[in-house]
C-alpha cells in the first residue's frame, strides 16, 4: 500500500480500540461510505499493514499464562521492519520503543514453556534484531 492518509489512520485507531467495530459503524463515524471502508480495509490487509485482528485481555484474566518482557536491540535503522515483523508474532502482546541500550521492549505471553521457547527462537531469527534479553514475569503487584 502506498502512503496512508488520515482516513486510513482513523480506521486503524478505531480498530485498535475495538477490532470488532462493524464496517457500518466505521463508515458512519468517518462520514464515508461502507464501500470506502471495505476497500481501505482490504488494501490495508493486502499490503500487510493490518496483519490480523486480536482480543486484548485483562492481565489477571489468565493467571496460568507465562508472561515475559523481551528487550530488543535493533541493527541500524531496522526498527520499523522489526516492529512490523513482531506485530505478526502471535505471542507478542505489546511493543514499546525505548531509548538507551534497548530499542524495543516486547511483552510476551505463552500457554506453556514449549510455546514460549518456540516464540523466542522465532523472534531471535527476525531480520534486523541484533540482540535480545528476556525476563519472565514471576509476580505482579499493584502500585
Protein backbone atom coordinates (compact mmCIF):
# COMPACT_ATOMS: atom_id res chain seq x y z
CA UNK A 1 0.00 0.00 0.00
CA UNK A 2 1.17 3.49 -0.72
CA UNK A 3 1.13 6.28 1.79
CA UNK A 4 -1.66 6.13 4.38
CA UNK A 5 -3.89 9.15 4.77
CA UNK A 6 -5.91 10.47 7.70
CA UNK A 7 -8.88 8.21 6.91
CA UNK A 8 -6.66 5.11 7.00
CA UNK A 9 -5.15 6.24 10.31
CA UNK A 10 -8.62 6.90 11.75
CA UNK A 11 -9.78 3.42 10.70
CA UNK A 12 -6.74 1.88 12.39
CA UNK A 13 -7.26 3.97 15.53
CA UNK A 14 -10.88 2.86 15.88
CA UNK A 15 -9.96 -0.79 15.25
CA UNK A 16 -7.15 -0.64 17.83
CA UNK A 17 -9.73 0.36 20.42
CA UNK A 18 -12.22 -2.28 19.25
CA UNK A 19 -11.26 -4.67 16.43
CA UNK A 20 -14.90 -5.82 16.24
CA UNK A 21 -16.23 -2.42 15.18
CA UNK A 22 -18.65 -3.09 12.31
CA UNK A 23 -17.88 -1.62 8.88
CA UNK A 24 -21.17 0.32 9.01
CA UNK A 25 -20.12 1.94 12.30
CA UNK A 26 -16.68 2.79 10.89
CA UNK A 27 -18.31 4.39 7.85
CA UNK A 28 -20.73 6.38 10.00
CA UNK A 29 -18.01 7.65 12.36
CA UNK A 30 -15.71 8.62 9.48
CA UNK A 31 -18.53 10.03 7.34
CA UNK A 32 -17.64 7.86 4.34
CA UNK A 33 -19.43 5.05 2.54
CA UNK A 34 -19.30 1.41 3.64
CA UNK A 35 -17.66 0.60 0.31
CA UNK A 36 -14.88 3.09 1.03
CA UNK A 37 -14.21 1.48 4.41
CA UNK A 38 -14.31 -2.04 2.94
CA UNK A 39 -11.89 -1.08 0.14
CA UNK A 40 -9.49 0.61 2.54
CA UNK A 41 -9.55 -2.36 4.94
CA UNK A 42 -8.84 -4.74 2.05
CA UNK A 43 -5.89 -2.58 0.92
CA UNK A 44 -4.54 -2.34 4.48
CA UNK A 45 -4.79 -6.12 4.84
CA UNK A 46 -3.39 -6.91 1.38
CA UNK A 47 -0.40 -4.61 1.91
CA UNK A 48 0.38 -6.12 5.31
CA UNK A 49 -0.37 -3.01 7.32
CA UNK A 50 -3.09 -4.99 9.09
CA UNK A 51 -1.69 -8.43 9.85
CA UNK A 52 -4.58 -9.68 11.95
CA UNK A 53 -7.27 -8.95 14.48
CA UNK A 54 -6.98 -9.95 18.12
CA UNK A 55 -8.53 -9.87 21.55
CA UNK A 56 -6.94 -8.00 24.46
CA UNK A 57 -7.45 -9.48 27.91
CA UNK A 58 -7.04 -8.09 31.39
CA UNK A 59 -3.66 -9.23 32.73
CA UNK A 60 -5.28 -11.04 35.66
CA UNK A 61 -7.79 -12.94 33.50
CA UNK A 62 -5.23 -15.62 32.63
CA UNK A 63 -3.18 -16.29 35.76
CA UNK A 64 -1.64 -19.51 34.43
CA UNK A 65 -0.05 -17.93 31.37
CA UNK A 66 3.68 -17.36 31.08
CA UNK A 67 4.47 -13.68 30.70
CA UNK A 68 7.80 -12.05 29.96
CA UNK A 69 9.46 -8.83 28.87
CA UNK A 70 11.89 -9.09 25.96
CA UNK A 71 14.33 -6.24 25.44
CA UNK A 72 15.46 -5.99 21.83
CA UNK A 73 18.44 -4.25 20.24
CA UNK A 74 17.91 -3.43 16.56
CA UNK A 75 20.55 -3.23 13.85
CA UNK A 76 20.87 0.23 12.27
CA UNK A 77 17.56 1.72 11.15
CA UNK A 78 15.68 -1.59 11.01
CA UNK A 79 13.23 -0.73 13.82
CA UNK A 80 10.17 -0.21 11.55
CA UNK A 81 10.72 -3.58 9.83
CA UNK A 82 11.34 -5.34 13.14
CA UNK A 83 8.19 -3.84 14.66
CA UNK A 84 6.17 -4.87 11.61
CA UNK A 85 7.50 -8.44 11.90
CA UNK A 86 6.88 -8.61 15.66
CA UNK A 87 3.30 -7.37 15.27
CA UNK A 88 2.67 -10.56 13.29
CA UNK A 89 4.03 -12.80 16.07
CA UNK A 90 1.03 -14.27 17.96
CA UNK A 91 2.76 -14.38 21.36
CA UNK A 92 3.75 -10.69 21.29
CA UNK A 93 1.16 -8.79 23.32
CA UNK A 94 2.52 -5.25 23.24
CA UNK A 95 5.51 -3.46 21.76
CA UNK A 96 7.20 -0.34 23.08
CA UNK A 97 10.03 1.65 21.56
CA UNK A 98 12.56 2.89 24.09
CA UNK A 99 15.78 4.83 24.33
CA UNK A 100 19.04 3.65 25.86
CA UNK A 101 20.56 0.20 25.46
CA UNK A 102 17.40 -1.43 24.09
CA UNK A 103 15.40 -0.15 21.13
CA UNK A 104 12.20 -2.15 21.65
CA UNK A 105 10.57 -3.89 24.60
CA UNK A 106 8.01 -6.60 23.85
CA UNK A 107 5.56 -8.21 26.24
CA UNK A 108 5.30 -11.93 25.50
CA UNK A 109 2.54 -14.31 26.63
CA UNK A 110 2.53 -18.07 26.19
CA UNK A 111 0.46 -21.04 27.35
CA UNK A 112 3.48 -23.25 28.00
CA UNK A 113 7.25 -23.15 28.29
CA UNK A 114 7.47 -25.01 24.99
CA UNK A 115 5.39 -22.36 23.21
CA UNK A 116 7.42 -19.64 24.92
CA UNK A 117 10.71 -21.23 23.82
CA UNK A 118 9.45 -21.58 20.26
CA UNK A 119 8.43 -17.91 20.14
CA UNK A 120 11.83 -16.84 21.48
CA UNK A 121 13.50 -18.77 18.68
CA UNK A 122 11.28 -17.23 16.00
CA UNK A 123 11.73 -13.71 17.34
CA UNK A 124 15.52 -14.01 17.64
CA UNK A 125 15.70 -15.02 13.96
CA UNK A 126 13.86 -11.88 12.85
CA UNK A 127 15.99 -9.92 10.36
CA UNK A 128 17.22 -6.69 11.94
CA UNK A 129 17.37 -7.96 15.53
CA UNK A 130 20.93 -7.70 16.86
CA UNK A 131 20.43 -8.89 20.46
CA UNK A 132 17.72 -9.74 22.97
CA UNK A 133 17.35 -10.20 26.70
CA UNK A 134 14.24 -11.80 28.16
CA UNK A 135 12.90 -11.80 31.72
CA UNK A 136 9.97 -13.99 32.76
CA UNK A 137 7.50 -12.15 35.00
CA UNK A 138 7.01 -14.04 38.23
CA UNK A 139 4.59 -11.85 40.22
CA UNK A 140 2.64 -8.67 39.54
CA UNK A 141 1.74 -6.11 42.20
CA UNK A 142 -0.43 -3.05 42.03
CA UNK A 143 1.29 0.28 42.50
